[in-house]
Amino acid sequence: MFTGIVEELGEITAVENLGDASRFRLRGPVVTEGAQHGDSIAVNGVCLTVVEHEGDEFTADVMAETLDRSSLGALAVGSRVNLERPTAVGARLGGHIVQGHVDGTGAVIARTPSENWEIVRVSLPADLSRYVVEKGSITVDGISLTVVEAGSDYFTVSLIPTTLALTTLGLKQPGDPVNLEVDIIAKYVERLLGSKEATR
């Protein structure tokens, strides 16, 4: 489990096409400290497994399903990525409950800068809009954010200077894809309510 509090801005250093999968090599001095084979690291909000670890780099295999359902397939050597290790039991939950299981992708629609923050508008797939509410939580490229405005096919978030400086959202431009993970609690509530209705 993750919290959506990005630990560092990493970089893709190699991409190997494996046919029905890809192998990424990533640089991240913070998240690789003490990393071992089999550990999980969230890359732009996608939970990946460490295959190899050497120095400040690690490799991870990304299956076709993940490439199809996320924006990881658009990454290339030099791409910057948000990195986060799983939260430790008993640690503070700084963001919200994040599984690292991407529900879909959106794209940056527009950026509106202000003196001390920036509003970013992101497109929202129709099948995810029911889970996104004003002042609710959403994960964008692995970043735990609060929804400012929730439309039927978009939402907006307000980014502070720290988020702009230390995550990929400071680099994304209109048209760029982003990974989205909606609040897992909303999905559980929907499923439970649906089950109750079906038994009546």
C-alpha atoms as a PDB file:
ATOM      1  CA  MET A   1       0.000   0.000   0.000  1.00  0.00           C
ATOM      2  CA  PHE A   2       1.140   3.528  -0.795  1.00  0.00           C
ATOM      3  CA  THR A   3       0.014   6.963   0.350  1.00  0.00           C
ATOM      4  CA  GLY A   4       0.558   9.054  -2.776  1.00  0.00           C
ATOM      5  CA  ILE A   5       3.329  11.104  -1.176  1.00  0.00           C
ATOM      6  CA  VAL A   6       6.045  11.050  -3.842  1.00  0.00           C
ATOM      7  CA  GLU A   7       9.519  10.472  -2.394  1.00  0.00           C
ATOM      8  CA  GLU A   8      11.559  11.545  -5.391  1.00  0.00           C
ATOM      9  CA  LEU A   9      11.541  12.400  -9.050  1.00  0.00           C
ATOM     10  CA  GLY A  10      13.348   9.527 -10.766  1.00  0.00           C
ATOM     11  CA  GLU A  11      14.422   8.913 -14.339  1.00  0.00           C
ATOM     12  CA  ILE A  12      14.116   6.136 -16.908  1.00  0.00           C
ATOM     13  CA  THR A  13      17.656   5.120 -17.911  1.00  0.00           C
ATOM     14  CA  ALA A  14      16.863   2.162 -20.205  1.00  0.00           C
ATOM     15  CA  VAL A  15      13.873   0.494 -21.860  1.00  0.00           C
ATOM     16  CA  GLU A  16      14.054  -3.053 -23.227  1.00  0.00           C
ATOM     17  CA  ASN A  17      11.249  -4.374 -25.431  1.00  0.00           C
ATOM     18  CA  LEU A  18      10.467  -7.976 -24.439  1.00  0.00           C
ATOM     19  CA  GLY A  19       7.701  -8.537 -26.990  1.00  0.00           C
ATOM     20  CA  ASP A  20       4.667  -8.846 -24.733  1.00  0.00           C
ATOM     21  CA  ALA A  21       6.313  -6.803 -21.989  1.00  0.00           C
ATOM     22  CA  SER A  22       8.969  -4.180 -21.337  1.00  0.00           C
ATOM     23  CA  ARG A  23      11.817  -4.006 -18.858  1.00  0.00           C
ATOM     24  CA  PHE A  24      12.548  -0.577 -17.424  1.00  0.00           C
ATOM     25  CA  ARG A  25      15.720   0.512 -15.682  1.00  0.00           C
ATOM     26  CA  LEU A  26      15.110   3.464 -13.398  1.00  0.00           C
ATOM     27  CA  ARG A  27      17.332   5.744 -11.352  1.00  0.00           C
ATOM     28  CA  GLY A  28      16.151   6.717  -7.877  1.00  0.00           C
ATOM     29  CA  PRO A  29      18.718   7.081  -5.076  1.00  0.00           C
ATOM     30  CA  VAL A  30      16.086   7.457  -2.340  1.00  0.00           C
ATOM     31  CA  VAL A  31      13.810   4.524  -3.197  1.00  0.00           C
ATOM     32  CA  THR A  32      16.698   2.166  -3.975  1.00  0.00           C
ATOM     33  CA  GLU A  33      18.275   2.611  -0.558  1.00  0.00           C
ATOM     34  CA  GLY A  34      17.948  -0.818   1.033  1.00  0.00           C
ATOM     35  CA  ALA A  35      15.900  -2.142  -1.917  1.00  0.00           C
ATOM     36  CA  GLN A  36      15.885  -5.888  -2.532  1.00  0.00           C
ATOM     37  CA  HIS A  37      14.653  -8.249  -5.228  1.00  0.00           C
ATOM     38  CA  GLY A  38      10.868  -8.544  -4.978  1.00  0.00           C
ATOM     39  CA  ASP A  39      10.271  -5.213  -3.284  1.00  0.00           C
ATOM     40  CA  SER A  40       7.505  -2.948  -4.579  1.00  0.00           C
ATOM     41  CA  ILE A  41       8.041   0.585  -5.834  1.00  0.00           C
ATOM     42  CA  ALA A  42       5.318   2.796  -7.305  1.00  0.00           C
ATOM     43  CA  VAL A  43       6.321   4.356 -10.629  1.00  0.00           C
ATOM     44  CA  ASN A  44       3.926   7.134 -11.675  1.00  0.00           C
ATOM     45  CA  GLY A  45       1.369   5.439  -9.471  1.00  0.00           C
ATOM     46  CA  VAL A  46       1.882   1.911 -10.839  1.00  0.00           C
ATOM     47  CA  CYS A  47       3.073  -0.694  -8.341  1.00  0.00           C
ATOM     48  CA  LEU A  48       6.082  -2.449  -9.909  1.00  0.00           C
ATOM     49  CA  THR A  49       8.333  -5.209  -8.556  1.00  0.00           C
ATOM     50  CA  VAL A  50      12.083  -4.774  -8.266  1.00  0.00           C
ATOM     51  CA  VAL A  51      13.791  -7.394 -10.463  1.00  0.00           C
ATOM     52  CA  GLU A  52      17.362  -6.198 -10.079  1.00  0.00           C
ATOM     53  CA  HIS A  53      19.012  -3.496  -7.991  1.00  0.00           C
ATOM     54  CA  GLU A  54      22.462  -2.014  -8.423  1.00  0.00           C
ATOM     55  CA  GLY A  55      23.664   1.260  -6.959  1.00  0.00           C
ATOM     56  CA  ASP A  56      20.970   3.899  -7.327  1.00  0.00           C
ATOM     57  CA  GLU A  57      19.148   2.048 -10.141  1.00  0.00           C
ATOM     58  CA  PHE A  58      16.629  -0.770 -10.285  1.00  0.00           C
ATOM     59  CA  THR A  59      14.877  -2.715 -13.034  1.00  0.00           C
ATOM     60  CA  ALA A  60      11.221  -3.697 -13.241  1.00  0.00           C
ATOM     61  CA  ASP A  61       9.248  -5.771 -15.739  1.00  0.00           C
ATOM     62  CA  VAL A  62       6.020  -4.257 -17.032  1.00  0.00           C
ATOM     63  CA  MET A  63       3.485  -6.660 -18.544  1.00  0.00           C
ATOM     64  CA  ALA A  64       1.325  -5.865 -21.582  1.00  0.00           C
ATOM     65  CA  GLU A  65      -1.764  -5.457 -19.359  1.00  0.00           C
ATOM     66  CA  THR A  66      -0.036  -2.696 -17.402  1.00  0.00           C
ATOM     67  CA  LEU A  67       1.288  -1.030 -20.542  1.00  0.00           C
ATOM     68  CA  ASP A  68      -2.222  -1.052 -22.027  1.00  0.00           C
ATOM     69  CA  ARG A  69      -3.993   0.281 -18.935  1.00  0.00           C
ATOM     70  CA  SER A  70      -1.476   2.924 -17.892  1.00  0.00           C
ATOM     71  CA  SER A  71       0.716   5.616 -19.392  1.00  0.00           C
ATOM     72  CA  LEU A  72       3.915   3.654 -18.752  1.00  0.00           C
ATOM     73  CA  GLY A  73       4.024   2.583 -22.399  1.00  0.00           C
ATOM     74  CA  ALA A  74       4.715   6.209 -23.359  1.00  0.00           C
ATOM     75  CA  LEU A  75       7.865   6.396 -21.227  1.00  0.00           C
ATOM     76  CA  ALA A  76      11.288   6.536 -22.882  1.00  0.00           C
ATOM     77  CA  VAL A  77      14.885   6.969 -21.814  1.00  0.00           C
ATOM     78  CA  GLY A  78      15.148  10.300 -20.038  1.00  0.00           C
ATOM     79  CA  SER A  79      11.499  10.404 -18.936  1.00  0.00           C
ATOM     80  CA  ARG A  80      11.040  11.660 -15.382  1.00  0.00           C
ATOM     81  CA  VAL A  81       8.841   9.575 -13.093  1.00  0.00           C
ATOM     82  CA  ASN A  82       7.345   9.832  -9.620  1.00  0.00           C
ATOM     83  CA  LEU A  83       8.722   7.199  -7.233  1.00  0.00           C
ATOM     84  CA  GLU A  84       7.382   6.007  -3.889  1.00  0.00           C
ATOM     85  CA  ARG A  85       8.128   3.029  -1.667  1.00  0.00           C
ATOM     86  CA  PRO A  86       5.269   1.251   0.143  1.00  0.00           C
ATOM     87  CA  THR A  87       4.221   2.783   3.426  1.00  0.00           C
ATOM     88  CA  ALA A  88       5.553   1.071   6.553  1.00  0.00           C
ATOM     89  CA  VAL A  89       3.115  -0.369   9.099  1.00  0.00           C
ATOM     90  CA  GLY A  90       2.576   2.222  11.790  1.00  0.00           C
ATOM     91  CA  ALA A  91       3.780   5.111   9.634  1.00  0.00           C
ATOM     92  CA  ARG A  92       1.740   8.273   9.178  1.00  0.00           C
ATOM     93  CA  LEU A  93      -0.752   8.167   6.302  1.00  0.00           C
ATOM     94  CA  GLY A  94       0.226  11.483   4.757  1.00  0.00           C
ATOM     95  CA  GLY A  95      -1.955  11.221   1.640  1.00  0.00           C
ATOM     96  CA  HIS A  96      -4.711   8.632   1.278  1.00  0.00           C
ATOM     97  CA  ILE A  97      -4.919   4.872   0.691  1.00  0.00           C
ATOM     98  CA  VAL A  98      -3.296   4.193  -2.684  1.00  0.00           C
ATOM     99  CA  GLN A  99      -2.989   0.655  -4.061  1.00  0.00           C
ATOM    100  CA  GLY A 100      -0.775   1.311  -7.050  1.00  0.00           C
ATOM    101  CA  HIS A 101      -3.439  -0.249  -9.297  1.00  0.00           C
ATOM    102  CA  VAL A 102      -4.218   2.239 -12.061  1.00  0.00           C
ATOM    103  CA  ASP A 103      -7.920   2.522 -12.941  1.00  0.00           C
ATOM    104  CA  GLY A 104      -7.383   4.396 -16.193  1.00  0.00           C
ATOM    105  CA  THR A 105      -5.604   7.256 -17.846  1.00  0.00           C
ATOM    106  CA  GLY A 106      -6.478  10.871 -18.426  1.00  0.00           C
ATOM    107  CA  ALA A 107      -4.628  13.732 -20.048  1.00  0.00           C
ATOM    108  CA  VAL A 108      -3.702  17.215 -18.942  1.00  0.00           C
ATOM    109  CA  ILE A 109      -6.199  19.580 -20.574  1.00  0.00           C
ATOM    110  CA  ALA A 110      -5.025  22.933 -19.296  1.00  0.00           C
ATOM    111  CA  ARG A 111      -2.821  24.658 -16.746  1.00  0.00           C
ATOM    112  CA  THR A 112      -3.803  27.928 -15.074  1.00  0.00           C
ATOM    113  CA  PRO A 113      -0.931  29.493 -13.125  1.00  0.00           C
ATOM    114  CA  SER A 114      -1.433  31.772 -10.159  1.00  0.00           C
ATOM    115  CA  GLU A 115       0.975  33.627  -7.914  1.00  0.00           C
ATOM    116  CA  ASN A 116       1.340  30.823  -5.355  1.00  0.00           C
ATOM    117  CA  TRP A 117      -0.257  27.766  -6.938  1.00  0.00           C
ATOM    118  CA  GLU A 118      -1.438  26.328 -10.232  1.00  0.00           C
ATOM    119  CA  ILE A 119      -4.771  24.829 -11.270  1.00  0.00           C
ATOM    120  CA  VAL A 120      -4.461  21.790 -13.537  1.00  0.00           C
ATOM    121  CA  ARG A 121      -7.449  20.413 -15.448  1.00  0.00           C
ATOM    122  CA  VAL A 122      -7.338  16.693 -16.312  1.00  0.00           C
ATOM    123  CA  SER A 123      -9.640  14.666 -18.559  1.00  0.00           C
ATOM    124  CA  LEU A 124     -11.580  11.889 -16.856  1.00  0.00           C
ATOM    125  CA  PRO A 125     -12.769   8.621 -18.453  1.00  0.00           C
ATOM    126  CA  ALA A 126     -16.573   8.265 -18.306  1.00  0.00           C
ATOM    127  CA  ASP A 127     -16.427   5.023 -16.320  1.00  0.00           C
ATOM    128  CA  LEU A 128     -14.455   6.704 -13.524  1.00  0.00           C
ATOM    129  CA  SER A 129     -16.373   9.974 -13.154  1.00  0.00           C
ATOM    130  CA  ARG A 130     -18.823   8.562 -10.588  1.00  0.00           C
ATOM    131  CA  TYR A 131     -15.941   7.960  -8.153  1.00  0.00           C
ATOM    132  CA  VAL A 132     -14.590  11.506  -8.309  1.00  0.00           C
ATOM    133  CA  VAL A 133     -16.163  14.123  -6.049  1.00  0.00           C
ATOM    134  CA  GLU A 134     -15.342  17.682  -5.067  1.00  0.00           C
ATOM    135  CA  LYS A 135     -12.913  17.719  -2.105  1.00  0.00           C
ATOM    136  CA  GLY A 136     -12.410  13.971  -2.486  1.00  0.00           C
ATOM    137  CA  SER A 137      -9.093  12.234  -3.077  1.00  0.00           C
ATOM    138  CA  ILE A 138      -7.626  11.087  -6.389  1.00  0.00           C
ATOM    139  CA  THR A 139      -4.204   9.823  -7.397  1.00  0.00           C
ATOM    140  CA  VAL A 140      -2.620  11.401 -10.487  1.00  0.00           C
ATOM    141  CA  ASP A 141       0.649   9.785 -11.601  1.00  0.00           C
ATOM    142  CA  GLY A 142       1.001   8.430  -8.077  1.00  0.00           C
ATOM    143  CA  ILE A 143       0.400  11.785  -6.375  1.00  0.00           C
ATOM    144  CA  SER A 144      -2.327  12.007  -3.731  1.00  0.00           C
ATOM    145  CA  LEU A 145      -4.367  15.099  -4.578  1.00  0.00           C
ATOM    146  CA  THR A 146      -7.599  16.775  -3.522  1.00  0.00           C
ATOM    147  CA  VAL A 147     -10.216  17.350  -6.218  1.00  0.00           C
ATOM    148  CA  VAL A 148     -11.144  21.022  -6.546  1.00  0.00           C
ATOM    149  CA  GLU A 149     -13.839  20.675  -9.206  1.00  0.00           C
ATOM    150  CA  ALA A 150     -15.419  17.459 -10.513  1.00  0.00           C
ATOM    151  CA  GLY A 151     -17.094  17.523 -13.923  1.00  0.00           C
ATOM    152  CA  SER A 152     -18.588  14.670 -15.924  1.00  0.00           C
ATOM    153  CA  ASP A 153     -15.462  14.271 -18.062  1.00  0.00           C
ATOM    154  CA  TYR A 154     -12.798  16.247 -16.206  1.00  0.00           C
ATOM    155  CA  PHE A 155     -11.574  17.322 -12.796  1.00  0.00           C
ATOM    156  CA  THR A 156      -9.234  19.996 -11.506  1.00  0.00           C
ATOM    157  CA  VAL A 157      -6.556  19.970  -8.828  1.00  0.00           C
ATOM    158  CA  SER A 158      -4.676  22.839  -7.213  1.00  0.00           C
ATOM    159  CA  LEU A 159      -0.912  22.331  -6.988  1.00  0.00           C
ATOM    160  CA  ILE A 160       1.356  24.005  -4.474  1.00  0.00           C
ATOM    161  CA  PRO A 161       4.936  24.981  -5.420  1.00  0.00           C
ATOM    162  CA  THR A 162       6.379  21.879  -3.702  1.00  0.00           C
ATOM    163  CA  THR A 163       4.258  19.547  -5.832  1.00  0.00           C
ATOM    164  CA  LEU A 164       5.189  21.443  -8.973  1.00  0.00           C
ATOM    165  CA  ALA A 165       8.894  21.282  -8.141  1.00  0.00           C
ATOM    166  CA  LEU A 166       9.167  17.702  -6.903  1.00  0.00           C
ATOM    167  CA  THR A 167       6.783  15.707  -9.129  1.00  0.00           C
ATOM    168  CA  THR A 168       6.038  15.120 -12.800  1.00  0.00           C
ATOM    169  CA  LEU A 169       3.019  17.416 -12.619  1.00  0.00           C
ATOM    170  CA  GLY A 170       5.407  20.334 -12.725  1.00  0.00           C
ATOM    171  CA  LEU A 171       6.543  19.074 -16.145  1.00  0.00           C
ATOM    172  CA  LYS A 172       3.342  17.822 -17.771  1.00  0.00           C
ATOM    173  CA  GLN A 173       1.914  19.878 -20.609  1.00  0.00           C
ATOM    174  CA  PRO A 174      -1.580  19.854 -22.209  1.00  0.00           C
ATOM    175  CA  GLY A 175      -2.023  16.587 -24.059  1.00  0.00           C
ATOM    176  CA  ASP A 176       0.369  14.618 -21.854  1.00  0.00           C
ATOM    177  CA  PRO A 177      -1.121  11.390 -20.401  1.00  0.00           C
ATOM    178  CA  VAL A 178      -1.404  10.725 -16.666  1.00  0.00           C
ATOM    179  CA  ASN A 179      -2.293   7.644 -14.643  1.00  0.00           C
ATOM    180  CA  LEU A 180      -5.427   7.834 -12.511  1.00  0.00           C
ATOM    181  CA  GLU A 181      -6.399   5.813  -9.463  1.00  0.00           C
ATOM    182  CA  VAL A 182      -9.704   6.674  -7.818  1.00  0.00           C
ATOM    183  CA  ASP A 183     -10.401   6.313  -4.119  1.00  0.00           C
ATOM    184  CA  ILE A 184     -10.695   2.583  -3.331  1.00  0.00           C
ATOM    185  CA  ILE A 185     -13.237   3.323  -0.585  1.00  0.00           C
ATOM    186  CA  ALA A 186     -15.679   4.712  -3.178  1.00  0.00           C
ATOM    187  CA  LYS A 187     -15.441   1.492  -5.203  1.00  0.00           C
ATOM    188  CA  TYR A 188     -16.041  -0.696  -2.138  1.00  0.00           C
ATOM    189  CA  VAL A 189     -19.062   1.380  -1.111  1.00  0.00           C
ATOM    190  CA  GLU A 190     -20.528   1.062  -4.613  1.00  0.00           C
ATOM    191  CA  ARG A 191     -20.031  -2.706  -4.604  1.00  0.00           C
ATOM    192  CA  LEU A 192     -21.562  -3.131  -1.146  1.00  0.00           C
ATOM    193  CA  LEU A 193     -24.584  -0.993  -1.976  1.00  0.00           C
ATOM    194  CA  GLY A 194     -25.060  -2.897  -5.224  1.00  0.00           C
ATOM    195  CA  SER A 195     -24.990  -6.209  -3.363  1.00  0.00           C
ATOM    196  CA  LYS A 196     -27.649  -4.959  -0.934  1.00  0.00           C
ATOM    197  CA  GLU A 197     -29.895  -3.851  -3.775  1.00  0.00           C
ATOM    198  CA  ALA A 198     -29.516  -7.220  -5.496  1.00  0.00           C
ATOM    199  CA  THR A 199     -30.704  -9.116  -2.385  1.00  0.00           C
ATOM    200  CA  ARG A 200     -33.863  -7.054  -1.908  1.00  0.00           C
END
